[in-house]
N, C-alpha and C. Protein backbone atom coordinates (compact mmCIF):
# COMPACT_ATOMS: atom_id res chain seq x y z
N UNK A 1 0.78 -1.16 0.00
CA UNK A 1 0.00 0.00 0.00
C UNK A 1 0.84 1.24 0.00
N UNK A 2 0.22 2.07 -0.63
CA UNK A 2 0.90 3.36 -0.73
C UNK A 2 0.41 4.26 0.39
N UNK A 3 1.33 4.92 1.03
CA UNK A 3 0.89 5.89 2.05
C UNK A 3 1.09 7.29 1.51
N UNK A 4 0.15 7.96 1.79
CA UNK A 4 0.24 9.37 1.36
C UNK A 4 0.61 10.20 2.56
N UNK A 5 1.54 10.99 2.37
CA UNK A 5 1.94 11.91 3.42
C UNK A 5 1.42 13.29 3.05
N UNK A 6 0.67 13.83 3.97
CA UNK A 6 0.14 15.17 3.72
C UNK A 6 1.06 16.15 4.41
N UNK A 7 1.56 17.02 3.62
CA UNK A 7 2.43 18.03 4.19
C UNK A 7 1.57 19.21 4.62
N UNK A 8 1.80 19.62 5.80
CA UNK A 8 1.07 20.79 6.30
C UNK A 8 1.84 22.04 5.94
N UNK A 9 1.11 22.98 5.44
CA UNK A 9 1.72 24.27 5.15
C UNK A 9 1.52 25.15 6.36
N UNK A 10 2.49 25.90 6.64
CA UNK A 10 2.45 26.80 7.78
C UNK A 10 1.62 28.02 7.42
N UNK A 11 0.65 28.36 8.26
CA UNK A 11 -0.19 29.54 8.02
C UNK A 11 -0.76 30.02 9.36
N UNK A 12 -1.21 31.27 9.35
CA UNK A 12 -1.82 31.81 10.56
C UNK A 12 -3.29 31.40 10.59
N UNK A 13 -3.73 31.11 11.79
CA UNK A 13 -5.14 30.81 11.94
C UNK A 13 -5.89 32.11 12.17
N UNK A 14 -7.19 32.07 12.11
CA UNK A 14 -8.00 33.25 12.32
C UNK A 14 -7.78 33.83 13.72
N UNK A 15 -7.69 33.00 14.70
CA UNK A 15 -7.47 33.46 16.08
C UNK A 15 -6.13 34.16 16.20
N UNK A 16 -5.10 33.60 15.62
CA UNK A 16 -3.79 34.24 15.66
C UNK A 16 -3.82 35.60 14.97
N UNK A 17 -4.53 35.70 13.88
CA UNK A 17 -4.65 36.98 13.17
C UNK A 17 -5.38 38.01 14.01
N UNK A 18 -6.45 37.60 14.67
CA UNK A 18 -7.22 38.51 15.52
C UNK A 18 -6.36 38.98 16.70
N UNK A 19 -5.64 38.06 17.33
CA UNK A 19 -4.78 38.43 18.46
C UNK A 19 -3.67 39.38 18.00
N UNK A 20 -3.07 39.12 16.87
CA UNK A 20 -2.01 40.00 16.35
C UNK A 20 -2.56 41.39 16.05
N UNK A 21 -3.76 41.44 15.45
CA UNK A 21 -4.39 42.74 15.16
C UNK A 21 -4.70 43.48 16.44
N UNK A 22 -5.19 42.79 17.45
CA UNK A 22 -5.50 43.41 18.74
C UNK A 22 -4.24 43.97 19.40
N UNK A 23 -3.18 43.20 19.41
CA UNK A 23 -1.91 43.66 20.01
C UNK A 23 -1.39 44.88 19.25
N UNK A 24 -1.43 44.82 17.93
CA UNK A 24 -0.98 45.96 17.12
C UNK A 24 -1.82 47.21 17.41
N UNK A 25 -3.14 47.03 17.53
CA UNK A 25 -4.03 48.16 17.82
C UNK A 25 -3.71 48.77 19.18
N UNK A 26 -3.48 47.95 20.18
CA UNK A 26 -3.15 48.45 21.53
C UNK A 26 -1.83 49.21 21.51
N UNK A 27 -0.83 48.68 20.86
CA UNK A 27 0.47 49.36 20.77
C UNK A 27 0.34 50.68 20.01
N UNK A 28 -0.40 50.67 18.90
CA UNK A 28 -0.58 51.89 18.11
C UNK A 28 -1.33 52.95 18.91
N UNK A 29 -2.36 52.53 19.67
CA UNK A 29 -3.11 53.47 20.50
C UNK A 29 -2.21 54.08 21.59
N UNK A 30 -1.36 53.26 22.18
CA UNK A 30 -0.43 53.76 23.19
C UNK A 30 0.54 54.79 22.61
N UNK A 31 1.05 54.51 21.42
CA UNK A 31 1.96 55.46 20.75
C UNK A 31 1.22 56.75 20.43
N UNK A 32 -0.02 56.63 19.93
CA UNK A 32 -0.82 57.81 19.62
C UNK A 32 -1.06 58.66 20.88
N UNK A 33 -1.43 58.03 21.98
CA UNK A 33 -1.68 58.76 23.23
C UNK A 33 -0.41 59.46 23.72
N UNK A 34 0.71 58.77 23.65
CA UNK A 34 1.98 59.37 24.07
C UNK A 34 2.31 60.57 23.19
N UNK A 35 2.15 60.42 21.89
CA UNK A 35 2.43 61.53 20.97
C UNK A 35 1.50 62.71 21.22
N UNK A 36 0.22 62.42 21.49
CA UNK A 36 -0.75 63.49 21.79
C UNK A 36 -0.36 64.25 23.04
N UNK A 37 0.07 63.55 24.08
CA UNK A 37 0.49 64.21 25.32
C UNK A 37 1.74 65.06 25.10
N UNK A 38 2.66 64.54 24.34
CA UNK A 38 3.89 65.30 24.06
C UNK A 38 3.55 66.57 23.28
N UNK A 39 2.70 66.44 22.26
CA UNK A 39 2.30 67.60 21.46
C UNK A 39 1.56 68.63 22.31
N UNK A 40 0.64 68.18 23.14
CA UNK A 40 -0.11 69.08 24.01
C UNK A 40 0.83 69.79 24.99
N UNK A 41 1.70 69.04 25.64
CA UNK A 41 2.62 69.64 26.61
C UNK A 41 3.55 70.65 25.96
N UNK A 42 3.99 70.36 24.74
CA UNK A 42 4.85 71.30 24.03
C UNK A 42 4.09 72.58 23.69
N UNK A 43 2.85 72.45 23.23
CA UNK A 43 2.04 73.63 22.89
C UNK A 43 1.74 74.46 24.13
N UNK A 44 1.47 73.81 25.25
CA UNK A 44 1.22 74.53 26.52
C UNK A 44 2.47 75.26 26.96
N UNK A 45 3.61 74.59 26.88
CA UNK A 45 4.87 75.23 27.28
C UNK A 45 5.18 76.44 26.41
N UNK A 46 4.94 76.34 25.12
CA UNK A 46 5.17 77.49 24.22
C UNK A 46 4.24 78.65 24.58
N UNK A 47 2.96 78.37 24.81
CA UNK A 47 2.01 79.43 25.15
C UNK A 47 2.35 80.05 26.49
N UNK A 48 2.72 79.23 27.46
CA UNK A 48 3.09 79.74 28.78
C UNK A 48 4.34 80.62 28.68
N UNK A 49 5.31 80.18 27.90
CA UNK A 49 6.53 80.97 27.72
C UNK A 49 6.27 82.30 27.02
N UNK A 50 5.39 82.28 26.02
CA UNK A 50 5.07 83.53 25.33
C UNK A 50 4.33 84.49 26.25
N UNK A 51 3.39 83.96 27.05
CA UNK A 51 2.64 84.82 27.98
C UNK A 51 3.59 85.45 29.00
N UNK A 52 4.47 84.66 29.55
CA UNK A 52 5.43 85.17 30.54
C UNK A 52 6.38 86.17 29.89
N UNK A 53 6.85 85.86 28.70
CA UNK A 53 7.76 86.77 28.00
C UNK A 53 7.11 88.10 27.67
N UNK A 54 5.85 88.07 27.20
CA UNK A 54 5.14 89.31 26.90
C UNK A 54 4.99 90.18 28.14
N UNK A 55 4.61 89.56 29.26
CA UNK A 55 4.45 90.33 30.51
C UNK A 55 5.78 90.93 30.94
N UNK A 56 6.86 90.18 30.82
CA UNK A 56 8.16 90.69 31.23
C UNK A 56 8.61 91.85 30.34
N UNK A 57 8.36 91.77 29.04
CA UNK A 57 8.73 92.86 28.13
C UNK A 57 7.94 94.12 28.48
N UNK A 58 6.64 93.97 28.68
CA UNK A 58 5.80 95.12 29.04
C UNK A 58 6.27 95.74 30.35
N UNK A 59 6.46 94.91 31.36
CA UNK A 59 6.84 95.40 32.69
C UNK A 59 8.21 96.07 32.66
N UNK A 60 9.18 95.46 31.98
CA UNK A 60 10.53 96.03 31.91
C UNK A 60 10.51 97.40 31.24
N UNK A 61 9.78 97.54 30.14
CA UNK A 61 9.68 98.82 29.45
C UNK A 61 9.00 99.87 30.33
N UNK A 62 7.89 99.49 30.95
CA UNK A 62 7.17 100.43 31.81
C UNK A 62 8.02 100.89 32.99
N UNK A 63 8.67 99.96 33.67
CA UNK A 63 9.49 100.32 34.83
C UNK A 63 10.62 101.27 34.42
N UNK A 64 11.26 100.98 33.30
CA UNK A 64 12.34 101.84 32.82
C UNK A 64 11.82 103.24 32.50
N UNK A 65 10.73 103.32 31.74
CA UNK A 65 10.22 104.62 31.32
C UNK A 65 9.64 105.41 32.48
N UNK A 66 8.91 104.75 33.37
CA UNK A 66 8.33 105.46 34.52
C UNK A 66 9.43 105.99 35.43
N UNK A 67 10.52 105.24 35.55
CA UNK A 67 11.61 105.73 36.41
C UNK A 67 12.23 107.00 35.85
N UNK A 68 12.09 107.25 34.54
CA UNK A 68 12.64 108.46 33.93
C UNK A 68 11.59 109.55 33.74
N UNK A 69 10.33 109.24 34.08
CA UNK A 69 9.23 110.19 33.83
C UNK A 69 9.33 111.40 34.76
N UNK A 70 8.84 112.52 34.26
CA UNK A 70 8.68 113.69 35.11
C UNK A 70 7.34 113.55 35.81
N UNK A 71 7.36 113.68 37.11
CA UNK A 71 6.18 113.39 37.93
C UNK A 71 4.96 114.18 37.51
N UNK A 72 5.12 115.42 37.20
CA UNK A 72 3.97 116.25 36.86
C UNK A 72 3.31 115.89 35.55
N UNK A 73 3.94 115.05 34.75
CA UNK A 73 3.37 114.71 33.45
C UNK A 73 2.50 113.46 33.48
N UNK A 74 2.46 112.76 34.61
CA UNK A 74 1.62 111.57 34.73
C UNK A 74 0.26 112.03 35.24
N UNK A 75 -0.71 112.01 34.34
CA UNK A 75 -2.04 112.52 34.66
C UNK A 75 -2.85 111.51 35.47
N UNK A 76 -3.63 112.03 36.41
CA UNK A 76 -4.56 111.19 37.18
C UNK A 76 -3.86 110.35 38.22
N UNK A 77 -4.68 109.59 38.94
CA UNK A 77 -4.16 108.73 40.01
C UNK A 77 -4.08 107.27 39.59
N UNK A 78 -4.86 106.90 38.60
CA UNK A 78 -4.81 105.53 38.13
C UNK A 78 -5.49 105.45 36.77
N UNK A 79 -5.35 104.32 36.15
CA UNK A 79 -5.97 104.19 34.84
C UNK A 79 -5.97 102.76 34.35
N UNK A 80 -6.87 102.51 33.43
CA UNK A 80 -6.97 101.22 32.77
C UNK A 80 -6.51 101.38 31.33
N UNK A 81 -5.86 100.38 30.83
CA UNK A 81 -5.55 100.27 29.41
C UNK A 81 -4.52 101.25 28.88
N UNK A 82 -3.91 102.08 29.69
CA UNK A 82 -2.88 102.95 29.14
C UNK A 82 -2.37 103.98 30.13
N UNK A 83 -1.21 104.54 29.80
CA UNK A 83 -0.60 105.58 30.62
C UNK A 83 0.26 106.44 29.68
N UNK A 84 0.33 107.73 29.98
CA UNK A 84 1.13 108.64 29.17
C UNK A 84 1.92 109.55 30.10
N UNK A 85 3.15 109.85 29.71
CA UNK A 85 4.00 110.74 30.50
C UNK A 85 5.12 111.28 29.63
N UNK A 86 5.87 112.22 30.19
CA UNK A 86 6.97 112.85 29.46
C UNK A 86 8.28 112.52 30.17
N UNK A 87 9.27 112.17 29.38
CA UNK A 87 10.62 111.98 29.91
C UNK A 87 11.55 112.95 29.19
N UNK A 88 12.70 113.19 29.78
CA UNK A 88 13.68 114.07 29.16
C UNK A 88 14.88 113.22 28.75
N UNK A 89 15.25 113.35 27.48
CA UNK A 89 16.41 112.62 26.96
C UNK A 89 17.40 113.61 26.39
N UNK A 90 18.65 113.21 26.36
CA UNK A 90 19.68 114.04 25.73
C UNK A 90 19.70 113.75 24.24
N UNK A 91 19.84 114.81 23.47
CA UNK A 91 19.97 114.64 22.02
C UNK A 91 21.43 114.33 21.70
N UNK A 92 21.72 114.13 20.43
CA UNK A 92 23.10 113.84 20.02
C UNK A 92 24.03 114.98 20.39
N UNK A 93 23.53 116.20 20.38
CA UNK A 93 24.35 117.36 20.76
C UNK A 93 24.46 117.55 22.26
N UNK A 94 23.80 116.69 23.04
CA UNK A 94 23.88 116.78 24.49
C UNK A 94 22.80 117.68 25.10
N UNK A 95 21.93 118.21 24.27
CA UNK A 95 20.86 119.07 24.76
C UNK A 95 19.67 118.22 25.22
N UNK A 96 18.98 118.64 26.28
CA UNK A 96 17.81 117.89 26.72
C UNK A 96 16.63 118.08 25.77
N UNK A 97 15.86 117.03 25.63
CA UNK A 97 14.68 117.06 24.76
C UNK A 97 13.55 116.31 25.46
N UNK A 98 12.36 116.93 25.48
CA UNK A 98 11.19 116.27 26.07
C UNK A 98 10.61 115.28 25.07
N UNK A 99 10.34 114.09 25.55
CA UNK A 99 9.79 113.03 24.72
C UNK A 99 8.54 112.49 25.41
N UNK A 100 7.43 112.46 24.67
CA UNK A 100 6.19 111.90 25.21
C UNK A 100 6.14 110.41 24.91
N UNK A 101 5.90 109.63 25.97
CA UNK A 101 5.80 108.18 25.84
C UNK A 101 4.36 107.80 26.18
N UNK A 102 3.75 106.98 25.34
CA UNK A 102 2.39 106.53 25.55
C UNK A 102 2.33 105.02 25.47
N UNK A 103 1.72 104.43 26.47
CA UNK A 103 1.40 103.00 26.44
C UNK A 103 -0.10 102.92 26.29
N UNK A 104 -0.56 102.23 25.27
CA UNK A 104 -2.00 102.17 25.03
C UNK A 104 -2.43 100.79 24.58
N UNK A 105 -3.70 100.54 24.80
CA UNK A 105 -4.29 99.25 24.44
C UNK A 105 -5.35 99.44 23.38
N UNK A 106 -5.33 98.58 22.38
CA UNK A 106 -6.37 98.55 21.36
C UNK A 106 -6.77 97.09 21.18
N UNK A 107 -7.90 96.71 21.74
CA UNK A 107 -8.29 95.30 21.74
C UNK A 107 -7.35 94.53 22.64
N UNK A 108 -6.67 93.54 22.09
CA UNK A 108 -5.69 92.76 22.86
C UNK A 108 -4.26 93.19 22.56
N UNK A 109 -4.10 94.23 21.77
CA UNK A 109 -2.76 94.70 21.40
C UNK A 109 -2.33 95.83 22.33
N UNK A 110 -1.12 95.71 22.87
CA UNK A 110 -0.57 96.72 23.77
C UNK A 110 0.66 97.33 23.10
N UNK A 111 0.65 98.67 22.95
CA UNK A 111 1.65 99.36 22.15
C UNK A 111 2.35 100.44 22.95
N UNK A 112 3.64 100.59 22.72
CA UNK A 112 4.43 101.69 23.27
C UNK A 112 4.72 102.64 22.13
N UNK A 113 4.39 103.93 22.32
CA UNK A 113 4.60 104.94 21.29
C UNK A 113 5.55 106.00 21.82
N UNK A 114 6.60 106.27 21.05
CA UNK A 114 7.57 107.32 21.40
C UNK A 114 7.86 108.11 20.13
N UNK A 115 7.63 109.41 20.18
CA UNK A 115 7.86 110.28 19.02
C UNK A 115 7.18 109.76 17.76
N UNK A 116 5.97 109.24 17.90
CA UNK A 116 5.22 108.76 16.75
C UNK A 116 5.58 107.37 16.28
N UNK A 117 6.59 106.77 16.87
CA UNK A 117 7.00 105.41 16.49
C UNK A 117 6.29 104.40 17.40
N UNK A 118 5.50 103.53 16.79
CA UNK A 118 4.77 102.51 17.54
C UNK A 118 5.58 101.23 17.62
N UNK A 119 5.57 100.62 18.80
CA UNK A 119 6.23 99.35 19.02
C UNK A 119 5.24 98.45 19.76
N UNK A 120 4.74 97.41 19.09
CA UNK A 120 3.79 96.50 19.71
C UNK A 120 4.54 95.60 20.70
N UNK A 121 4.12 95.63 21.96
CA UNK A 121 4.74 94.83 23.00
C UNK A 121 4.06 93.48 23.18
N UNK A 122 2.75 93.43 22.91
CA UNK A 122 2.02 92.17 23.01
C UNK A 122 0.74 92.26 22.18
N UNK A 123 0.36 91.13 21.61
CA UNK A 123 -0.92 91.05 20.89
C UNK A 123 -1.91 90.20 21.67
N UNK A 124 -1.58 89.89 22.92
CA UNK A 124 -2.41 89.00 23.73
C UNK A 124 -2.74 89.59 25.10
N UNK A 125 -2.79 90.92 25.21
CA UNK A 125 -3.04 91.55 26.50
C UNK A 125 -4.48 91.32 26.96
N UNK A 126 -4.62 90.89 28.18
CA UNK A 126 -5.95 90.72 28.76
C UNK A 126 -6.27 91.86 29.70
N UNK A 127 -5.29 92.31 30.49
CA UNK A 127 -5.53 93.36 31.48
C UNK A 127 -4.28 94.20 31.67
N UNK A 128 -4.48 95.51 31.78
CA UNK A 128 -3.41 96.42 32.19
C UNK A 128 -4.02 97.52 33.04
N UNK A 129 -3.50 97.68 34.24
CA UNK A 129 -3.95 98.74 35.15
C UNK A 129 -2.73 99.36 35.81
N UNK A 130 -2.85 100.62 36.12
CA UNK A 130 -1.83 101.27 36.92
C UNK A 130 -2.52 102.10 37.98
N UNK A 131 -1.85 102.26 39.12
CA UNK A 131 -2.40 103.05 40.22
C UNK A 131 -1.26 103.73 40.95
N UNK A 132 -1.47 105.00 41.28
CA UNK A 132 -0.49 105.76 42.04
C UNK A 132 -0.63 105.40 43.51
N UNK A 133 0.48 105.17 44.17
CA UNK A 133 0.47 104.88 45.60
C UNK A 133 0.06 106.14 46.35
N UNK A 134 -0.84 106.00 47.29
CA UNK A 134 -1.36 107.19 47.99
C UNK A 134 -0.39 107.71 49.06
N UNK A 135 0.44 106.86 49.64
CA UNK A 135 1.33 107.34 50.70
C UNK A 135 2.75 107.62 50.21
N UNK A 136 3.28 106.76 49.35
CA UNK A 136 4.62 106.97 48.80
C UNK A 136 4.42 107.55 47.41
N UNK A 137 4.52 108.85 47.31
CA UNK A 137 4.05 109.54 46.12
C UNK A 137 4.80 109.22 44.84
N UNK A 138 6.00 108.72 44.88
CA UNK A 138 6.75 108.43 43.68
C UNK A 138 6.57 107.01 43.18
N UNK A 139 5.60 106.29 43.74
CA UNK A 139 5.42 104.88 43.42
C UNK A 139 4.17 104.68 42.57
N UNK A 140 4.30 103.86 41.53
CA UNK A 140 3.17 103.47 40.69
C UNK A 140 3.12 101.95 40.65
N UNK A 141 1.94 101.41 40.96
CA UNK A 141 1.73 99.97 40.90
C UNK A 141 1.18 99.60 39.53
N UNK A 142 1.71 98.53 38.99
CA UNK A 142 1.33 98.06 37.65
C UNK A 142 0.78 96.64 37.74
N UNK A 143 -0.30 96.38 37.04
CA UNK A 143 -0.84 95.02 36.93
C UNK A 143 -0.98 94.71 35.45
N UNK A 144 -0.31 93.64 35.04
CA UNK A 144 -0.33 93.24 33.63
C UNK A 144 -0.70 91.76 33.54
N UNK A 145 -1.67 91.45 32.69
CA UNK A 145 -2.07 90.06 32.46
C UNK A 145 -2.10 89.80 30.97
N UNK A 146 -1.45 88.72 30.57
CA UNK A 146 -1.43 88.31 29.16
C UNK A 146 -2.02 86.91 29.08
N UNK A 147 -2.86 86.69 28.07
CA UNK A 147 -3.52 85.41 27.88
C UNK A 147 -3.22 84.92 26.46
N UNK A 148 -2.49 83.80 26.34
CA UNK A 148 -2.07 83.28 25.04
C UNK A 148 -2.79 81.96 24.76
N UNK A 149 -3.44 81.84 23.59
CA UNK A 149 -4.09 80.57 23.26
C UNK A 149 -3.06 79.47 22.99
N UNK A 150 -3.40 78.25 23.41
CA UNK A 150 -2.53 77.10 23.17
C UNK A 150 -2.76 76.64 21.73
N UNK A 151 -1.70 76.65 20.94
CA UNK A 151 -1.78 76.31 19.52
C UNK A 151 -2.34 74.91 19.32
N UNK A 152 -3.45 74.84 18.56
CA UNK A 152 -4.04 73.55 18.21
C UNK A 152 -4.97 72.98 19.26
N UNK A 153 -5.17 73.68 20.38
CA UNK A 153 -6.04 73.17 21.43
C UNK A 153 -6.98 74.27 21.89
N UNK A 154 -8.00 73.89 22.59
CA UNK A 154 -9.02 74.83 23.02
C UNK A 154 -8.73 75.33 24.44
N UNK A 155 -7.51 75.75 24.71
CA UNK A 155 -7.11 76.23 26.03
C UNK A 155 -6.28 77.49 25.87
N UNK A 156 -6.12 78.21 26.99
CA UNK A 156 -5.27 79.39 27.03
C UNK A 156 -4.35 79.30 28.23
N UNK A 157 -3.21 79.95 28.12
CA UNK A 157 -2.28 80.08 29.24
C UNK A 157 -2.23 81.55 29.63
N UNK A 158 -2.37 81.81 30.92
CA UNK A 158 -2.43 83.17 31.43
C UNK A 158 -1.24 83.43 32.35
N UNK A 159 -0.64 84.60 32.20
CA UNK A 159 0.41 85.03 33.12
C UNK A 159 0.07 86.43 33.61
N UNK A 160 0.04 86.60 34.92
CA UNK A 160 -0.28 87.89 35.53
C UNK A 160 0.88 88.30 36.42
N UNK A 161 1.22 89.58 36.34
CA UNK A 161 2.32 90.08 37.16
C UNK A 161 1.95 91.44 37.71
N UNK A 162 2.19 91.58 38.99
CA UNK A 162 2.03 92.87 39.64
C UNK A 162 3.41 93.38 39.97
N UNK A 163 3.67 94.64 39.66
CA UNK A 163 4.98 95.20 39.92
C UNK A 163 4.84 96.64 40.37
N UNK A 164 5.97 97.23 40.66
CA UNK A 164 5.99 98.60 41.15
C UNK A 164 7.10 99.35 40.43
N UNK A 165 6.79 100.55 40.01
CA UNK A 165 7.79 101.41 39.38
C UNK A 165 7.88 102.69 40.20
N UNK A 166 9.09 103.20 40.33
CA UNK A 166 9.30 104.39 41.13
C UNK A 166 9.87 105.49 40.27
N UNK A 167 9.26 106.67 40.39
CA UNK A 167 9.77 107.85 39.69
C UNK A 167 11.00 108.32 40.44
N UNK A 168 12.06 108.65 39.70
CA UNK A 168 13.30 109.09 40.34
C UNK A 168 13.11 110.36 41.15
N UNK A 169 13.94 110.53 42.14
CA UNK A 169 13.86 111.69 43.04
C UNK A 169 13.98 113.00 42.27
N UNK A 170 14.89 113.06 41.28
CA UNK A 170 15.05 114.30 40.52
C UNK A 170 13.78 114.62 39.75
N UNK A 171 13.15 113.58 39.21
CA UNK A 171 11.93 113.79 38.45
C UNK A 171 10.79 114.23 39.37
N UNK A 172 10.76 113.68 40.57
CA UNK A 172 9.73 114.07 41.53
C UNK A 172 9.87 115.54 41.88
N UNK A 173 11.10 115.97 42.13
CA UNK A 173 11.33 117.36 42.47
C UNK A 173 11.00 118.30 41.33
N UNK A 174 11.08 117.82 40.11
CA UNK A 174 10.83 118.68 38.95
C UNK A 174 9.35 118.94 38.75
N UNK A 175 8.50 118.11 39.34
CA UNK A 175 7.06 118.27 39.16
C UNK A 175 6.48 119.27 40.14
N UNK A 176 5.44 119.96 39.74
CA UNK A 176 4.77 120.89 40.63
C UNK A 176 3.48 120.30 41.16
N UNK A 177 3.29 119.03 40.98
CA UNK A 177 2.06 118.36 41.39
C UNK A 177 2.15 118.04 42.88
N UNK A 178 1.14 118.42 43.66
CA UNK A 178 1.18 118.20 45.10
C UNK A 178 1.10 116.72 45.48
N UNK A 179 0.66 115.87 44.54
CA UNK A 179 0.60 114.44 44.86
C UNK A 179 1.99 113.83 44.92
N UNK A 180 2.99 114.50 44.32
CA UNK A 180 4.34 113.97 44.30
C UNK A 180 5.15 114.69 45.36
N UNK A 181 5.74 113.95 46.25
CA UNK A 181 6.53 114.53 47.32
C UNK A 181 7.89 113.86 47.35
N UNK A 182 8.86 114.59 47.83
CA UNK A 182 10.18 114.01 48.02
C UNK A 182 10.16 113.10 49.23
N UNK A 183 10.99 112.05 49.19
CA UNK A 183 11.02 111.13 50.33
C UNK A 183 11.44 111.84 51.60
N UNK A 184 12.31 112.84 51.50
CA UNK A 184 12.72 113.60 52.69
C UNK A 184 11.55 114.33 53.31
N UNK A 185 10.65 114.89 52.47
CA UNK A 185 9.46 115.57 52.99
C UNK A 185 8.55 114.59 53.71
N UNK A 186 8.44 113.39 53.17
CA UNK A 186 7.60 112.36 53.83
C UNK A 186 8.17 112.00 55.19
N UNK A 187 9.49 111.87 55.27
CA UNK A 187 10.12 111.50 56.54
C UNK A 187 10.01 112.62 57.56
N UNK A 188 10.13 113.87 57.10
CA UNK A 188 10.02 115.01 58.02
C UNK A 188 8.63 115.10 58.62
N UNK A 189 7.61 114.73 57.84
CA UNK A 189 6.24 114.83 58.31
C UNK A 189 5.69 113.53 58.88
N UNK A 190 6.53 112.59 59.10
CA UNK A 190 6.10 111.27 59.59
C UNK A 190 5.50 111.40 60.96
């Protein structure tokens, strides 16, 4: 008698195919979730960094300019969305020149203007307030808040900073405004 030998061919069964597909799907989903978290965290970090950077640029410019302002040129006791004052700068010939500096808000854009030249400091401003200190006359408190949308996501990152700027003693003495007093006068009347 002749015996027939049946050779089995190697192949995947349906169950093996389903298990392999399931494992592949789980691994792919895990990679997708990890990539999504990395992308989200990177976008949040960028928005947070931009918000913090914008606030620091605004605050640094304001503190520098207010410290050089002439006290009598800062109108009012407080304000929202902007402040204007005059500083004195030396020209190339060494002569003093009065320069008007304006910080203003238009929508979410915050701009510094000097001699007609506009410089946008932030396009994401949410809040800007300033207030004159009632007891220490050369002090101005500043509150700046910037809100930056997270790229590709439905979230925002907010950075708020409160700071203080002081008008220099020489500038205080140059003003005729009774709200501005020299620190020596304050100490004498303590």
